[in-house]
Each structure stands twice: as structure tokens, then as C-alpha cells.
Amino acid sequence: QIQEILIDALDQGRFVQITGRNGNK
């Protein structure tokens, strides 16, 4: 059920943006 929630949101997108922190570039 939790992963279905994530997939429903992802399927609305054209892109996914991923960024790092704590020194991760």
C-alpha cells in the first residue's frame, strides 16, 4: 500500500529530480 502511494505520485511526473546533502554532490 505504501509503495502504491509512491508510484501514484511518480506516475504523475515527466521527470524525477534527486539531490544530495551533507557533502553529497
PDB file of all heavy atoms in Angstrom:
ATOM      1  N   GLN A   1       0.822  -1.209   0.000  1.00  0.00           N
ATOM      2  CA  GLN A   1       0.000   0.000   0.000  1.00  0.00           C
ATOM      3  C   GLN A   1       0.860   1.265   0.000  1.00  0.00           C
ATOM      4  O   GLN A   1       0.573   2.231  -0.719  1.00  0.00           O
ATOM      5  CB  GLN A   1      -0.935  -0.017   1.212  1.00  0.00           C
ATOM      6  CG  GLN A   1      -1.972  -1.122   1.157  1.00  0.00           C
ATOM      7  CD  GLN A   1      -2.698  -1.324   2.484  1.00  0.00           C
ATOM      8  OE1 GLN A   1      -2.649  -0.467   3.357  1.00  0.00           O
ATOM      9  NE2 GLN A   1      -3.366  -2.462   2.628  1.00  0.00           N
ATOM     10  N   ILE A   2       1.922   1.264   0.822  1.00  0.00           N
ATOM     11  CA  ILE A   2       2.791   2.447   0.879  1.00  0.00           C
ATOM     12  C   ILE A   2       3.452   2.690  -0.468  1.00  0.00           C
ATOM     13  O   ILE A   2       3.520   3.829  -0.966  1.00  0.00           O
ATOM     14  CB  ILE A   2       3.853   2.268   1.979  1.00  0.00           C
ATOM     15  CG1 ILE A   2       3.212   2.279   3.363  1.00  0.00           C
ATOM     16  CG2 ILE A   2       4.925   3.361   1.881  1.00  0.00           C
ATOM     17  CD1 ILE A   2       4.148   1.897   4.495  1.00  0.00           C
ATOM     18  N   GLN A   3       3.935   1.636  -1.083  1.00  0.00           N
ATOM     19  CA  GLN A   3       4.635   1.786  -2.358  1.00  0.00           C
ATOM     20  C   GLN A   3       3.675   2.160  -3.483  1.00  0.00           C
ATOM     21  O   GLN A   3       4.072   2.835  -4.437  1.00  0.00           O
ATOM     22  CB  GLN A   3       5.445   0.525  -2.658  1.00  0.00           C
ATOM     23  CG  GLN A   3       6.609   0.381  -1.674  1.00  0.00           C
ATOM     24  CD  GLN A   3       7.491  -0.839  -1.880  1.00  0.00           C
ATOM     25  OE1 GLN A   3       8.480  -0.994  -1.189  1.00  0.00           O
ATOM     26  NE2 GLN A   3       7.161  -1.722  -2.805  1.00  0.00           N
ATOM     27  N   GLU A   4       2.404   1.757  -3.373  1.00  0.00           N
ATOM     28  CA  GLU A   4       1.406   2.201  -4.349  1.00  0.00           C
ATOM     29  C   GLU A   4       1.220   3.714  -4.279  1.00  0.00           C
ATOM     30  O   GLU A   4       1.038   4.377  -5.306  1.00  0.00           O
ATOM     31  CB  GLU A   4       0.063   1.495  -4.109  1.00  0.00           C
ATOM     32  CG  GLU A   4       0.009   0.080  -4.664  1.00  0.00           C
ATOM     33  CD  GLU A   4      -1.317  -0.620  -4.376  1.00  0.00           C
ATOM     34  OE1 GLU A   4      -2.207   0.025  -3.770  1.00  0.00           O
ATOM     35  OE2 GLU A   4      -1.452  -1.791  -4.753  1.00  0.00           O
ATOM     36  N   ILE A   5       1.291   4.283  -3.066  1.00  0.00           N
ATOM     37  CA  ILE A   5       1.185   5.734  -2.905  1.00  0.00           C
ATOM     38  C   ILE A   5       2.344   6.426  -3.614  1.00  0.00           C
ATOM     39  O   ILE A   5       2.163   7.425  -4.327  1.00  0.00           O
ATOM     40  CB  ILE A   5       1.158   6.112  -1.404  1.00  0.00           C
ATOM     41  CG1 ILE A   5      -0.127   5.588  -0.751  1.00  0.00           C
ATOM     42  CG2 ILE A   5       1.279   7.623  -1.220  1.00  0.00           C
ATOM     43  CD1 ILE A   5      -0.133   5.696   0.767  1.00  0.00           C
ATOM     44  N   LEU A   6       3.558   5.902  -3.426  1.00  0.00           N
ATOM     45  CA  LEU A   6       4.725   6.478  -4.088  1.00  0.00           C
ATOM     46  C   LEU A   6       4.602   6.373  -5.611  1.00  0.00           C
ATOM     47  O   LEU A   6       4.887   7.336  -6.342  1.00  0.00           O
ATOM     48  CB  LEU A   6       5.997   5.761  -3.631  1.00  0.00           C
ATOM     49  CG  LEU A   6       6.469   6.029  -2.201  1.00  0.00           C
ATOM     50  CD1 LEU A   6       7.586   5.059  -1.826  1.00  0.00           C
ATOM     51  CD2 LEU A   6       6.962   7.468  -2.056  1.00  0.00           C
ATOM     52  N   ILE A   7       4.162   5.222  -6.091  1.00  0.00           N
ATOM     53  CA  ILE A   7       4.044   5.014  -7.537  1.00  0.00           C
ATOM     54  C   ILE A   7       2.991   5.935  -8.137  1.00  0.00           C
ATOM     55  O   ILE A   7       3.190   6.506  -9.220  1.00  0.00           O
ATOM     56  CB  ILE A   7       3.734   3.533  -7.843  1.00  0.00           C
ATOM     57  CG1 ILE A   7       4.953   2.663  -7.503  1.00  0.00           C
ATOM     58  CG2 ILE A   7       3.346   3.347  -9.307  1.00  0.00           C
ATOM     59  CD1 ILE A   7       4.700   1.171  -7.593  1.00  0.00           C
ATOM     60  N   ASP A   8       1.873   6.117  -7.444  1.00  0.00           N
ATOM     61  CA  ASP A   8       0.827   7.014  -7.951  1.00  0.00           C
ATOM     62  C   ASP A   8       1.364   8.429  -8.134  1.00  0.00           C
ATOM     63  O   ASP A   8       1.019   9.120  -9.102  1.00  0.00           O
ATOM     64  CB  ASP A   8      -0.375   7.024  -6.997  1.00  0.00           C
ATOM     65  CG  ASP A   8      -1.195   5.748  -7.091  1.00  0.00           C
ATOM     66  OD1 ASP A   8      -1.022   5.008  -8.076  1.00  0.00           O
ATOM     67  OD2 ASP A   8      -1.995   5.485  -6.175  1.00  0.00           O
ATOM     68  N   ALA A   9       2.216   8.874  -7.206  1.00  0.00           N
ATOM     69  CA  ALA A   9       2.814  10.205  -7.326  1.00  0.00           C
ATOM     70  C   ALA A   9       3.842  10.234  -8.463  1.00  0.00           C
ATOM     71  O   ALA A   9       3.882  11.176  -9.264  1.00  0.00           O
ATOM     72  CB  ALA A   9       3.462  10.607  -6.006  1.00  0.00           C
ATOM     73  N   LEU A  10       4.674   9.204  -8.534  1.00  0.00           N
ATOM     74  CA  LEU A  10       5.706   9.150  -9.579  1.00  0.00           C
ATOM     75  C   LEU A  10       5.093   9.122 -10.974  1.00  0.00           C
ATOM     76  O   LEU A  10       5.633   9.728 -11.909  1.00  0.00           O
ATOM     77  CB  LEU A  10       6.590   7.922  -9.364  1.00  0.00           C
ATOM     78  CG  LEU A  10       7.566   7.994  -8.192  1.00  0.00           C
ATOM     79  CD1 LEU A  10       8.020   6.604  -7.763  1.00  0.00           C
ATOM     80  CD2 LEU A  10       8.795   8.851  -8.575  1.00  0.00           C
ATOM     81  N   ASP A  11       3.956   8.445 -11.121  1.00  0.00           N
ATOM     82  CA  ASP A  11       3.330   8.322 -12.432  1.00  0.00           C
ATOM     83  C   ASP A  11       2.719   9.629 -12.929  1.00  0.00           C
ATOM     84  O   ASP A  11       2.304   9.719 -14.087  1.00  0.00           O
ATOM     85  CB  ASP A  11       2.271   7.218 -12.413  1.00  0.00           C
ATOM     86  CG  ASP A  11       2.877   5.828 -12.543  1.00  0.00           C
ATOM     87  OD1 ASP A  11       4.042   5.721 -12.974  1.00  0.00           O
ATOM     88  OD2 ASP A  11       2.183   4.843 -12.205  1.00  0.00           O
ATOM     89  N   GLN A  12       2.675  10.627 -12.066  1.00  0.00           N
ATOM     90  CA  GLN A  12       2.202  11.949 -12.496  1.00  0.00           C
ATOM     91  C   GLN A  12       3.320  12.769 -13.126  1.00  0.00           C
ATOM     92  O   GLN A  12       3.084  13.843 -13.681  1.00  0.00           O
ATOM     93  CB  GLN A  12       1.624  12.722 -11.306  1.00  0.00           C
ATOM     94  CG  GLN A  12       0.400  12.090 -10.678  1.00  0.00           C
ATOM     95  CD  GLN A  12      -0.095  12.882  -9.484  1.00  0.00           C
ATOM     96  OE1 GLN A  12      -0.290  14.107  -9.570  1.00  0.00           O
ATOM     97  NE2 GLN A  12      -0.299  12.204  -8.369  1.00  0.00           N
ATOM     98  N   GLY A  13       4.548  12.284 -13.026  1.00  0.00           N
ATOM     99  CA  GLY A  13       5.697  13.090 -13.415  1.00  0.00           C
ATOM    100  C   GLY A  13       6.229  12.819 -14.799  1.00  0.00           C
ATOM    101  O   GLY A  13       6.018  11.755 -15.389  1.00  0.00           O
ATOM    102  N   ARG A  14       6.931  13.821 -15.305  1.00  0.00           N
ATOM    103  CA  ARG A  14       7.720  13.643 -16.511  1.00  0.00           C
ATOM    104  C   ARG A  14       9.176  13.403 -16.145  1.00  0.00           C
ATOM    105  O   ARG A  14       9.898  12.697 -16.834  1.00  0.00           O
ATOM    106  CB  ARG A  14       7.612  14.881 -17.390  1.00  0.00           C
ATOM    107  CG  ARG A  14       8.573  14.816 -18.565  1.00  0.00           C
ATOM    108  CD  ARG A  14       8.123  15.556 -19.774  1.00  0.00           C
ATOM    109  NE  ARG A  14       9.050  15.373 -20.866  1.00  0.00           N
ATOM    110  CZ  ARG A  14       9.278  16.289 -21.805  1.00  0.00           C
ATOM    111  NH1 ARG A  14       8.657  17.440 -21.759  1.00  0.00           N
ATOM    112  NH2 ARG A  14      10.121  16.031 -22.786  1.00  0.00           N
ATOM    113  N   PHE A  15       9.607  14.023 -15.032  1.00  0.00           N
ATOM    114  CA  PHE A  15      10.964  13.853 -14.531  1.00  0.00           C
ATOM    115  C   PHE A  15      10.922  13.563 -13.039  1.00  0.00           C
ATOM    116  O   PHE A  15       9.940  13.855 -12.363  1.00  0.00           O
ATOM    117  CB  PHE A  15      11.801  15.132 -14.747  1.00  0.00           C
ATOM    118  CG  PHE A  15      12.005  15.527 -16.168  1.00  0.00           C
ATOM    119  CD1 PHE A  15      11.158  16.447 -16.774  1.00  0.00           C
ATOM    120  CD2 PHE A  15      13.060  15.004 -16.908  1.00  0.00           C
ATOM    121  CE1 PHE A  15      11.349  16.833 -18.083  1.00  0.00           C
ATOM    122  CE2 PHE A  15      13.261  15.396 -18.231  1.00  0.00           C
ATOM    123  CZ  PHE A  15      12.401  16.307 -18.819  1.00  0.00           C
ATOM    124  N   VAL A  16      12.038  13.004 -12.535  1.00  0.00           N
ATOM    125  CA  VAL A  16      12.274  12.939 -11.091  1.00  0.00           C
ATOM    126  C   VAL A  16      13.631  13.594 -10.844  1.00  0.00           C
ATOM    127  O   VAL A  16      14.607  13.295 -11.543  1.00  0.00           O
ATOM    128  CB  VAL A  16      12.284  11.486 -10.569  1.00  0.00           C
ATOM    129  CG1 VAL A  16      12.517  11.476  -9.057  1.00  0.00           C
ATOM    130  CG2 VAL A  16      10.973  10.786 -10.899  1.00  0.00           C
ATOM    131  N   GLN A  17      13.655  14.491  -9.855  1.00  0.00           N
ATOM    132  CA  GLN A  17      14.893  15.176  -9.505  1.00  0.00           C
ATOM    133  C   GLN A  17      15.420  14.625  -8.191  1.00  0.00           C
ATOM    134  O   GLN A  17      14.667  14.501  -7.220  1.00  0.00           O
ATOM    135  CB  GLN A  17      14.651  16.684  -9.382  1.00  0.00           C
ATOM    136  CG  GLN A  17      15.913  17.499  -9.180  1.00  0.00           C
ATOM    137  CD  GLN A  17      15.631  18.989  -9.193  1.00  0.00           C
ATOM    138  OE1 GLN A  17      14.709  19.459  -8.537  1.00  0.00           O
ATOM    139  NE2 GLN A  17      16.423  19.733  -9.949  1.00  0.00           N
ATOM    140  N   ILE A  18      16.711  14.296  -8.163  1.00  0.00           N
ATOM    141  CA  ILE A  18      17.340  13.735  -6.963  1.00  0.00           C
ATOM    142  C   ILE A  18      18.546  14.606  -6.616  1.00  0.00           C
ATOM    143  O   ILE A  18      19.404  14.865  -7.470  1.00  0.00           O
ATOM    144  CB  ILE A  18      17.801  12.277  -7.196  1.00  0.00           C
ATOM    145  CG1 ILE A  18      16.629  11.415  -7.678  1.00  0.00           C
ATOM    146  CG2 ILE A  18      18.403  11.695  -5.923  1.00  0.00           C
ATOM    147  CD1 ILE A  18      16.567  11.251  -9.198  1.00  0.00           C
ATOM    148  N   THR A  19      18.599  15.073  -5.372  1.00  0.00           N
ATOM    149  CA  THR A  19      19.726  15.905  -4.931  1.00  0.00           C
ATOM    150  C   THR A  19      20.282  15.372  -3.621  1.00  0.00           C
ATOM    151  O   THR A  19      19.570  14.753  -2.822  1.00  0.00           O
ATOM    152  CB  THR A  19      19.298  17.372  -4.738  1.00  0.00           C
ATOM    153  OG1 THR A  19      18.186  17.433  -3.837  1.00  0.00           O
ATOM    154  CG2 THR A  19      18.903  18.006  -6.061  1.00  0.00           C
ATOM    155  N   GLY A  20      21.570  15.623  -3.404  1.00  0.00           N
ATOM    156  CA  GLY A  20      22.244  15.149  -2.203  1.00  0.00           C
ATOM    157  C   GLY A  20      22.436  16.246  -1.175  1.00  0.00           C
ATOM    158  O   GLY A  20      22.176  17.425  -1.428  1.00  0.00           O
ATOM    159  N   ARG A  21      22.906  15.862   0.004  1.00  0.00           N
ATOM    160  CA  ARG A  21      23.208  16.794   1.101  1.00  0.00           C
ATOM    161  C   ARG A  21      24.377  16.237   1.905  1.00  0.00           C
ATOM    162  O   ARG A  21      24.882  15.157   1.620  1.00  0.00           O
ATOM    163  CB  ARG A  21      21.986  16.977   2.014  1.00  0.00           C
ATOM    164  CG  ARG A  21      21.562  15.686   2.694  1.00  0.00           C
ATOM    165  CD  ARG A  21      20.471  15.886   3.714  1.00  0.00           C
ATOM    166  NE  ARG A  21      20.060  14.599   4.271  1.00  0.00           N
ATOM    167  CZ  ARG A  21      19.711  14.409   5.524  1.00  0.00           C
ATOM    168  NH1 ARG A  21      19.693  15.425   6.372  1.00  0.00           N
ATOM    169  NH2 ARG A  21      19.355  13.208   5.947  1.00  0.00           N
ATOM    170  N   ASN A  22      24.780  16.977   2.946  1.00  0.00           N
ATOM    171  CA  ASN A  22      25.896  16.560   3.799  1.00  0.00           C
ATOM    172  C   ASN A  22      27.147  16.212   2.985  1.00  0.00           C
ATOM    173  O   ASN A  22      27.815  15.214   3.230  1.00  0.00           O
ATOM    174  CB  ASN A  22      25.495  15.356   4.673  1.00  0.00           C
ATOM    175  CG  ASN A  22      24.419  15.706   5.686  1.00  0.00           C
ATOM    176  OD1 ASN A  22      24.267  16.866   6.061  1.00  0.00           O
ATOM    177  ND2 ASN A  22      23.674  14.705   6.133  1.00  0.00           N
ATOM    178  N   GLY A  23      27.443  17.059   2.009  1.00  0.00           N
ATOM    179  CA  GLY A  23      28.618  16.838   1.182  1.00  0.00           C
ATOM    180  C   GLY A  23      28.385  15.982  -0.043  1.00  0.00           C
ATOM    181  O   GLY A  23      29.284  15.830  -0.873  1.00  0.00           O
ATOM    182  N   ASN A  24      27.192  15.407  -0.175  1.00  0.00           N
ATOM    183  CA  ASN A  24      26.890  14.597  -1.351  1.00  0.00           C
ATOM    184  C   ASN A  24      26.535  15.516  -2.516  1.00  0.00           C
ATOM    185  O   ASN A  24      25.631  16.338  -2.414  1.00  0.00           O
ATOM    186  CB  ASN A  24      25.741  13.630  -1.067  1.00  0.00           C
ATOM    187  CG  ASN A  24      25.508  12.655  -2.210  1.00  0.00           C
ATOM    188  OD1 ASN A  24      25.179  13.047  -3.320  1.00  0.00           O
ATOM    189  ND2 ASN A  24      25.682  11.370  -1.940  1.00  0.00           N
ATOM    190  N   LYS A  25      27.245  15.362  -3.643  1.00  0.00           N
ATOM    191  CA  LYS A  25      27.101  16.272  -4.778  1.00  0.00           C
ATOM    192  C   LYS A  25      26.080  15.798  -5.812  1.00  0.00           C
ATOM    193  O   LYS A  25      25.996  16.365  -6.906  1.00  0.00           O
ATOM    194  CB  LYS A  25      28.462  16.446  -5.456  1.00  0.00           C
ATOM    195  CG  LYS A  25      29.505  17.094  -4.559  1.00  0.00           C
ATOM    196  CD  LYS A  25      30.792  17.376  -5.309  1.00  0.00           C
ATOM    197  CE  LYS A  25      31.564  16.120  -5.592  1.00  0.00           C
ATOM    198  NZ  LYS A  25      32.888  16.391  -6.220  1.00  0.00           N
TER     199      LYS A  25
END
